[in-house]
Each structure stands twice: as structure tokens, then as C-alpha cells.
Amino acid sequence: MLGPRINAGGRIGRADLGAELLLESDPIKAGAIAAELDRLNKERQALEVATVAEAEAETLAALGIEERGSVVVTAGNWHPGVVGLVAARLKERFGRPAFAVAFGVDGTGAGSGRSITGVDLGSAVRAAVAAGLLVKGGGHAMAAGITLRRDGLAAFRAYLEETLAASVAQARRESALLIDGALSAAAATPDFVTSLERAGPFGAGNPEPVFAFPSHTVAFAEPVGAGHVRLRLKSGDGTFLPGIAFRAGDQPLGRTLIEHRGRPLHVAGSLAIDRWQGGERVQLRVSDVARPNGELETIR
């Protein structure tokens, strides 16, 4: 709730608003800043939805013409504050490194990239800068930022294909969701999740634990919000576990959950405490599912 709003000022408004809010002791002034950040966050969400839709359409068209190891999408009307979010969505949907670039009227583009496990994007960007393909750029293995001229876009795309193709192909072949353990719905208690949280904070160097819930019935599943799927799993002993699959509504994962209402699935994801209106409950954030028929196929 708080993080996206504090961050919104830096994306599409004034970058100092989040800091001002955290430092403000006057409740009236703090309320005014909070209201402005909430407004900016709604604006950011609308921008993100529109930009992601446009970027996905461009990516589908490009991949339909030629199979590529990476994605680079651009536009002149995109807000530079959301290109990182767009790159992350493209990486998630298409399973390959992705860059989104917003060009200004002067022909200079500000872009952001996100990578998949096993593909070092930061090294590729630094090498592109050294080769004169980018005005500037940097980052780490999983994310990078770039500045480039419009007339250098084709060369940068070609460079990424040549540099990353082998590692992307290998990473996609080895793509797997690593499971830390198997649980039943009855074992997913608030005390258990609270004990897991003590191992955080979680991130790239300390991944959040992922659990499988084998052969749990999808008692309920429906679209909710901006493209999410809300669900409820039922174990063999009758215990229910609520869950959500973020941004899965129009993806194979979301469709599979909805199609399997009343039927069993192997479901994997991470556990969190959902705090709402003074209450607490455990929620499963679904990452993947597999049909319990002996097949190895997963639906992501």
C-alpha cells in the first residue's frame, strides 16, 4: 500500500515528495502530501496499463516475424518514469530479457531493462557503452538502465541478439521454479508465515521461499482488479487457503486456474500475511501450476 505511493512521486511527479511525507510531523501537511502521492500513483497505474498494452502488442508483432532472444520496444509518447515497470512486465510475459525505451523530441531515449535468471544484462550494457552503441548505461545482472540515440537503436538490437542469444537459449531451456518444500493448506498458518518473514528481507540474493501445494482443489477462482485472479484452494482435509495470481488474468496461468474450478491442481507460490481491515490471514501468491496427471508440463 505505502511503497508504490511513496515511489510514485519519483516516477511521474516530484521525487522529493516521498521523503517530505516521511519527514513531515504536521498531520495536515502530511495528509496533503499523501493525497498528492495517491493521485500520482493512480496516474502512474493508468500510464502503466496503457504503455504495457502498447508494448506487448509491439512485442507480439516482432516475435511473430522472427524468434528473438531479447525484446527492445520503443515509443515517443511513453513516460520515462514507467519504462522500468514495462520492461519487467515484458520479461515476465515473454520469458526473455526486455528493454523499454522512451524517446524524447531530441531523438535521445531513456530506457530500462530487466533480465531473466542466467543472463547478465549489466555486463552486456557496459560492453555496449564501451563499444560506442550507447550514450551511457549501467546496471547489474538482473536490471539495467540505458541512454541511446534513435539512430543507434537498430545496432543496439542487433548487438543484444548477438551477445545474449546463447545465454538466453540456455536459460530458457533450464528454466525451472525451484521449490523449497511441500505443504498442505492446514500447514500454512500465520505463525508459520511469521517465522518465515524473520529470514527476510527477500530479494535477488535471498529469494523468498516457494512452496508447492500438491493436488489441492481449486474451490474458487475469478478475475479481480487489474488483470489478477483471486482463488481459494481446498486440501484433502477440507482446509481452505486463499490465494492470488497477480497479472495472470489473460495469461495461461490465470486461464488454467479458472478452467480448473472444482478440480485438483499442483499449485506453487510464496506465502504472505494479508492484513485487511484489522484482520490477518495467510495468502498464497501463486507463481505456477501443474496438472496432477504425471506430466511435467507447467503453466506460467
Protein backbone atom coordinates (compact mmCIF):
# COMPACT_ATOMS: atom_id res chain seq x y z
CA MET A 1 0.00 0.00 0.00
CA LEU A 2 2.65 2.53 1.04
CA GLY A 3 5.58 1.57 -1.19
CA PRO A 4 4.01 2.28 -4.60
CA ARG A 5 2.64 5.63 -3.44
CA ILE A 6 5.92 6.83 -1.93
CA ASN A 7 7.62 5.70 -5.14
CA ALA A 8 5.07 7.35 -7.45
CA GLY A 9 6.44 10.85 -6.90
CA GLY A 10 9.82 9.81 -8.24
CA ARG A 11 8.27 8.12 -11.27
CA ILE A 12 5.92 10.77 -12.61
CA GLY A 13 5.90 13.72 -10.19
CA ARG A 14 8.31 15.28 -7.73
CA ALA A 15 10.94 12.86 -6.50
CA ASP A 16 11.17 14.61 -3.11
CA LEU A 17 7.52 14.11 -2.13
CA GLY A 18 8.06 10.67 -0.59
CA ALA A 19 10.90 11.95 1.58
CA GLU A 20 8.88 15.01 2.59
CA LEU A 21 5.99 12.79 3.66
CA LEU A 22 8.21 10.60 5.83
CA LEU A 23 9.79 13.65 7.48
CA GLU A 24 6.60 15.69 8.00
CA SER A 25 5.31 15.93 11.59
CA ASP A 26 2.29 18.14 10.85
CA PRO A 27 -0.68 15.79 10.17
CA ILE A 28 -2.45 18.32 7.95
CA LYS A 29 0.58 18.86 5.74
CA ALA A 30 1.29 15.12 5.73
CA GLY A 31 -2.30 14.45 4.65
CA ALA A 32 -1.97 16.86 1.73
CA ILE A 33 1.28 15.23 0.58
CA ALA A 34 -0.23 11.75 0.97
CA ALA A 35 -3.24 12.76 -1.12
CA GLU A 36 -0.98 14.08 -3.87
CA LEU A 37 1.09 10.88 -3.85
CA ASP A 38 -2.09 8.80 -4.04
CA ARG A 39 -3.20 10.87 -7.06
CA LEU A 40 0.19 10.41 -8.72
CA ASN A 41 0.04 6.67 -8.06
CA LYS A 42 -3.34 6.40 -9.79
CA GLU A 43 -1.89 8.35 -12.72
CA ARG A 44 1.13 6.02 -12.73
CA GLN A 45 -1.14 2.96 -12.79
CA ALA A 46 -3.11 4.31 -15.76
CA LEU A 47 0.09 5.14 -17.63
CA GLU A 48 1.49 1.70 -16.92
CA VAL A 49 -1.61 -0.16 -18.14
CA ALA A 50 -1.72 1.80 -21.41
CA THR A 51 2.02 1.55 -22.03
CA VAL A 52 2.21 -2.17 -21.25
CA ALA A 53 -0.65 -2.89 -23.67
CA GLU A 54 1.12 -0.99 -26.44
CA ALA A 55 4.48 -2.60 -25.66
CA GLU A 56 3.01 -6.13 -25.59
CA ALA A 57 1.36 -5.57 -28.98
CA GLU A 58 4.66 -4.41 -30.45
CA THR A 59 6.48 -7.39 -28.93
CA LEU A 60 3.95 -9.92 -30.22
CA ALA A 61 4.28 -8.45 -33.71
CA ALA A 62 8.09 -8.59 -33.57
CA LEU A 63 8.23 -12.15 -32.20
CA GLY A 64 5.74 -13.27 -34.82
CA ILE A 65 8.09 -12.18 -37.56
CA GLU A 66 11.29 -13.57 -36.10
CA GLU A 67 12.09 -15.51 -32.93
CA ARG A 68 14.33 -13.31 -30.83
CA GLY A 69 16.36 -13.80 -27.70
CA SER A 70 15.57 -10.35 -26.34
CA VAL A 71 12.91 -7.68 -26.60
CA VAL A 72 13.51 -3.96 -27.20
CA VAL A 73 10.36 -1.84 -27.55
CA THR A 74 10.22 1.93 -28.02
CA ALA A 75 7.84 4.85 -28.38
CA GLY A 76 7.98 8.61 -28.42
CA ASN A 77 4.93 9.12 -26.21
CA TRP A 78 5.82 6.91 -23.26
CA HIS A 79 6.54 8.43 -19.88
CA PRO A 80 10.16 7.63 -18.90
CA GLY A 81 9.02 7.03 -15.33
CA VAL A 82 7.22 3.78 -16.22
CA VAL A 83 9.68 2.16 -18.65
CA GLY A 84 11.18 0.04 -15.88
CA LEU A 85 7.75 -1.31 -14.95
CA VAL A 86 7.01 -2.03 -18.61
CA ALA A 87 10.30 -3.89 -19.08
CA ALA A 88 9.52 -6.02 -16.03
CA ARG A 89 6.07 -6.93 -17.37
CA LEU A 90 7.51 -7.87 -20.78
CA LYS A 91 10.21 -10.00 -19.18
CA GLU A 92 7.58 -11.83 -17.11
CA ARG A 93 5.24 -12.44 -20.03
CA PHE A 94 7.74 -13.41 -22.74
CA GLY A 95 10.42 -15.07 -20.63
CA ARG A 96 13.41 -13.21 -22.07
CA PRO A 97 15.39 -10.04 -21.36
CA ALA A 98 13.40 -6.93 -22.21
CA PHE A 99 14.09 -3.22 -22.66
CA ALA A 100 11.53 -0.43 -22.87
CA VAL A 101 12.78 2.91 -24.21
CA ALA A 102 11.03 6.30 -24.22
CA PHE A 103 12.40 8.70 -26.84
CA GLY A 104 12.29 12.45 -26.45
CA VAL A 105 11.80 15.05 -29.17
CA ASP A 106 15.58 15.43 -29.46
CA GLY A 107 15.96 11.80 -30.53
CA THR A 108 17.52 10.66 -27.25
CA GLY A 109 15.94 7.71 -25.49
CA ALA A 110 15.91 6.77 -21.80
CA GLY A 111 15.41 3.06 -21.34
CA SER A 112 15.26 0.41 -18.67
CA GLY A 113 15.89 -3.32 -18.96
CA ARG A 114 15.03 -6.41 -16.94
CA SER A 115 16.60 -9.84 -17.34
CA ILE A 116 15.91 -13.48 -16.62
CA THR A 117 17.96 -15.70 -14.32
CA GLY A 118 21.18 -16.78 -16.02
CA VAL A 119 21.51 -13.78 -18.36
CA ASP A 120 23.79 -10.96 -17.17
CA LEU A 121 22.21 -7.79 -18.52
CA GLY A 122 24.51 -5.36 -16.72
CA SER A 123 27.65 -6.78 -18.33
CA ALA A 124 26.05 -6.63 -21.77
CA VAL A 125 25.08 -2.98 -21.28
CA ARG A 126 28.54 -1.96 -20.04
CA ALA A 127 30.11 -3.65 -23.07
CA ALA A 128 27.67 -1.81 -25.36
CA VAL A 129 28.74 1.51 -23.83
CA ALA A 130 32.41 0.60 -24.35
CA ALA A 131 31.64 -0.26 -27.99
CA GLY A 132 30.00 3.13 -28.54
CA LEU A 133 26.49 1.73 -29.09
CA LEU A 134 25.01 3.61 -26.13
CA VAL A 135 25.43 7.15 -24.87
CA LYS A 136 25.60 5.74 -21.35
CA GLY A 137 24.35 2.79 -19.37
CA GLY A 138 24.92 0.52 -16.42
CA GLY A 139 23.30 -1.93 -14.09
CA HIS A 140 23.61 -5.39 -12.61
CA ALA A 141 22.79 -8.90 -13.76
CA MET A 142 19.01 -8.56 -13.50
CA ALA A 143 18.39 -4.90 -14.38
CA ALA A 144 19.98 -2.07 -16.34
CA GLY A 145 19.40 1.50 -17.47
CA ILE A 146 20.46 2.94 -20.82
CA THR A 147 20.55 6.17 -22.80
CA LEU A 148 20.82 5.94 -26.59
CA ARG A 149 20.22 7.87 -29.78
CA ARG A 150 17.36 6.86 -32.05
CA ASP A 151 19.75 6.23 -34.95
CA GLY A 152 21.60 3.69 -32.79
CA LEU A 153 18.53 1.60 -31.96
CA ALA A 154 18.93 -0.98 -34.72
CA ALA A 155 22.60 -1.53 -33.88
CA PHE A 156 21.77 -1.98 -30.20
CA ARG A 157 19.05 -4.53 -31.00
CA ALA A 158 21.45 -6.48 -33.22
CA TYR A 159 24.15 -6.33 -30.55
CA LEU A 160 21.80 -7.78 -27.91
CA GLU A 161 20.79 -10.63 -30.18
CA GLU A 162 24.39 -11.50 -30.95
CA THR A 163 25.58 -11.12 -27.35
CA LEU A 164 22.71 -12.68 -25.42
CA ALA A 165 21.27 -15.30 -27.79
CA ALA A 166 23.26 -18.26 -26.44
CA SER A 167 22.77 -17.45 -22.75
CA VAL A 168 19.05 -16.73 -23.27
CA ALA A 169 18.53 -20.03 -25.08
CA GLN A 170 20.36 -21.90 -22.30
CA ALA A 171 18.44 -20.09 -19.56
CA ARG A 172 15.09 -20.81 -21.21
CA ARG A 173 15.97 -24.50 -21.55
CA GLU A 174 16.89 -24.67 -17.88
CA SER A 175 14.00 -22.52 -16.68
CA ALA A 176 12.53 -24.05 -13.57
CA LEU A 177 10.70 -22.91 -10.48
CA LEU A 178 12.71 -24.19 -7.52
CA ILE A 179 10.52 -25.47 -4.70
CA ASP A 180 11.68 -25.21 -1.09
CA GLY A 181 9.10 -27.61 0.30
CA ALA A 182 5.62 -29.11 0.02
CA LEU A 183 2.77 -28.10 2.31
CA SER A 184 -0.93 -28.64 2.80
CA ALA A 185 -3.32 -25.74 3.30
CA ALA A 186 -3.61 -26.60 7.01
CA ALA A 187 0.13 -26.04 7.49
CA ALA A 188 0.04 -22.50 6.08
CA THR A 189 -0.67 -20.80 9.41
CA PRO A 190 0.04 -17.19 10.43
CA ASP A 191 2.66 -18.40 12.93
CA PHE A 192 4.46 -20.34 10.19
CA VAL A 193 4.48 -17.37 7.80
CA THR A 194 5.62 -15.03 10.55
CA SER A 195 8.57 -17.32 11.25
CA LEU A 196 9.45 -17.28 7.54
CA GLU A 197 9.41 -13.48 7.48
CA ARG A 198 12.22 -13.42 10.04
CA ALA A 199 14.53 -14.76 7.31
CA GLY A 200 13.89 -11.61 5.21
CA PRO A 201 14.13 -9.18 3.67
CA PHE A 202 13.92 -11.22 0.49
CA GLY A 203 15.44 -10.26 -2.86
CA ALA A 204 17.81 -11.39 -5.58
CA GLY A 205 20.47 -12.58 -3.11
CA ASN A 206 17.97 -14.06 -0.67
CA PRO A 207 14.98 -15.40 -2.61
CA GLU A 208 11.62 -15.77 -0.93
CA PRO A 209 10.75 -19.40 -0.10
CA VAL A 210 8.48 -21.12 -2.62
CA PHE A 211 6.13 -23.92 -1.57
CA ALA A 212 4.14 -26.48 -3.53
CA PHE A 213 0.60 -27.42 -2.54
CA PRO A 214 0.10 -30.82 -4.22
CA SER A 215 -3.31 -31.87 -5.52
CA HIS A 216 -5.31 -29.10 -3.92
CA THR A 217 -8.76 -28.48 -5.35
CA VAL A 218 -9.39 -25.07 -6.90
CA ALA A 219 -12.54 -24.37 -4.93
CA PHE A 220 -12.92 -20.87 -6.33
CA ALA A 221 -11.21 -18.71 -8.96
CA GLU A 222 -12.27 -15.49 -10.63
CA PRO A 223 -10.71 -12.39 -12.26
CA VAL A 224 -10.28 -9.43 -9.95
CA GLY A 225 -8.80 -5.94 -10.16
CA ALA A 226 -6.40 -5.00 -12.94
CA GLY A 227 -5.88 -8.41 -14.50
CA HIS A 228 -5.36 -10.54 -11.38
CA VAL A 229 -7.01 -13.85 -10.45
CA ARG A 230 -8.35 -14.43 -6.94
CA LEU A 231 -8.70 -18.04 -5.82
CA ARG A 232 -9.26 -20.39 -2.91
CA LEU A 233 -7.63 -23.81 -2.59
CA LYS A 234 -9.01 -26.74 -0.62
CA SER A 235 -6.88 -29.54 0.79
CA GLY A 236 -7.96 -33.12 1.33
CA ASP A 237 -8.83 -32.45 4.98
CA GLY A 238 -11.17 -29.61 3.99
CA THR A 239 -8.90 -26.70 4.92
CA PHE A 240 -9.11 -23.66 2.67
CA LEU A 241 -6.25 -21.37 1.63
CA PRO A 242 -6.94 -18.08 -0.18
CA GLY A 243 -4.59 -17.02 -2.94
CA ILE A 244 -3.97 -14.57 -5.73
CA ALA A 245 -2.19 -14.78 -9.07
CA PHE A 246 -1.01 -11.28 -9.93
CA ARG A 247 -1.30 -10.09 -13.56
CA ALA A 248 -2.38 -13.58 -14.65
CA GLY A 249 -5.89 -12.84 -15.90
CA ASP A 250 -5.06 -13.02 -19.60
CA GLN A 251 -2.16 -15.45 -19.23
CA PRO A 252 -2.11 -19.29 -19.36
CA LEU A 253 -1.70 -19.38 -15.57
CA GLY A 254 -4.88 -17.42 -14.92
CA ARG A 255 -6.90 -19.26 -17.56
CA THR A 256 -5.81 -22.63 -16.17
CA LEU A 257 -6.83 -21.69 -12.63
CA ILE A 258 -10.28 -20.56 -13.78
CA GLU A 259 -10.77 -23.61 -16.05
CA HIS A 260 -9.89 -25.96 -13.17
CA ARG A 261 -12.52 -24.74 -10.72
CA GLY A 262 -13.69 -27.77 -8.77
CA ARG A 263 -10.70 -29.83 -9.94
CA PRO A 264 -7.27 -30.54 -8.40
CA LEU A 265 -4.01 -28.84 -9.39
CA HIS A 266 -0.48 -28.75 -8.06
CA VAL A 267 -0.06 -25.08 -7.10
CA ALA A 268 3.19 -23.33 -6.19
CA GLY A 269 3.91 -19.90 -4.79
CA SER A 270 5.02 -17.84 -1.82
CA LEU A 271 3.14 -17.17 1.40
CA ALA A 272 2.35 -13.79 2.91
CA ILE A 273 0.18 -12.32 5.65
CA ASP A 274 -2.73 -10.40 4.13
CA ARG A 275 -3.70 -7.65 6.53
CA TRP A 276 -7.07 -6.09 5.81
CA GLN A 277 -9.47 -4.07 7.99
CA GLY A 278 -7.75 -5.11 11.19
CA GLY A 279 -7.71 -8.82 10.37
CA GLU A 280 -4.90 -11.12 9.29
CA ARG A 281 -4.95 -14.20 7.11
CA VAL A 282 -2.41 -16.21 5.15
CA GLN A 283 -2.47 -15.71 1.39
CA LEU A 284 -0.72 -17.76 -1.30
CA ARG A 285 0.79 -15.67 -4.10
CA VAL A 286 0.68 -18.12 -6.97
CA SER A 287 3.71 -18.44 -9.25
CA ASP A 288 2.89 -21.57 -11.23
CA VAL A 289 0.60 -24.58 -11.50
CA ALA A 290 0.88 -28.08 -12.94
CA ARG A 291 -1.75 -30.67 -13.73
CA PRO A 292 -1.60 -33.68 -11.35
CA ASN A 293 -1.56 -36.28 -14.08
CA GLY A 294 2.09 -37.31 -14.11
CA GLU A 295 3.04 -34.82 -16.81
CA LEU A 296 5.90 -32.38 -16.25
CA GLU A 297 4.13 -29.56 -18.06
CA THR A 298 3.68 -26.36 -16.09
CA ILE A 299 1.51 -23.39 -16.91
CA ARG A 300 3.15 -19.98 -16.47
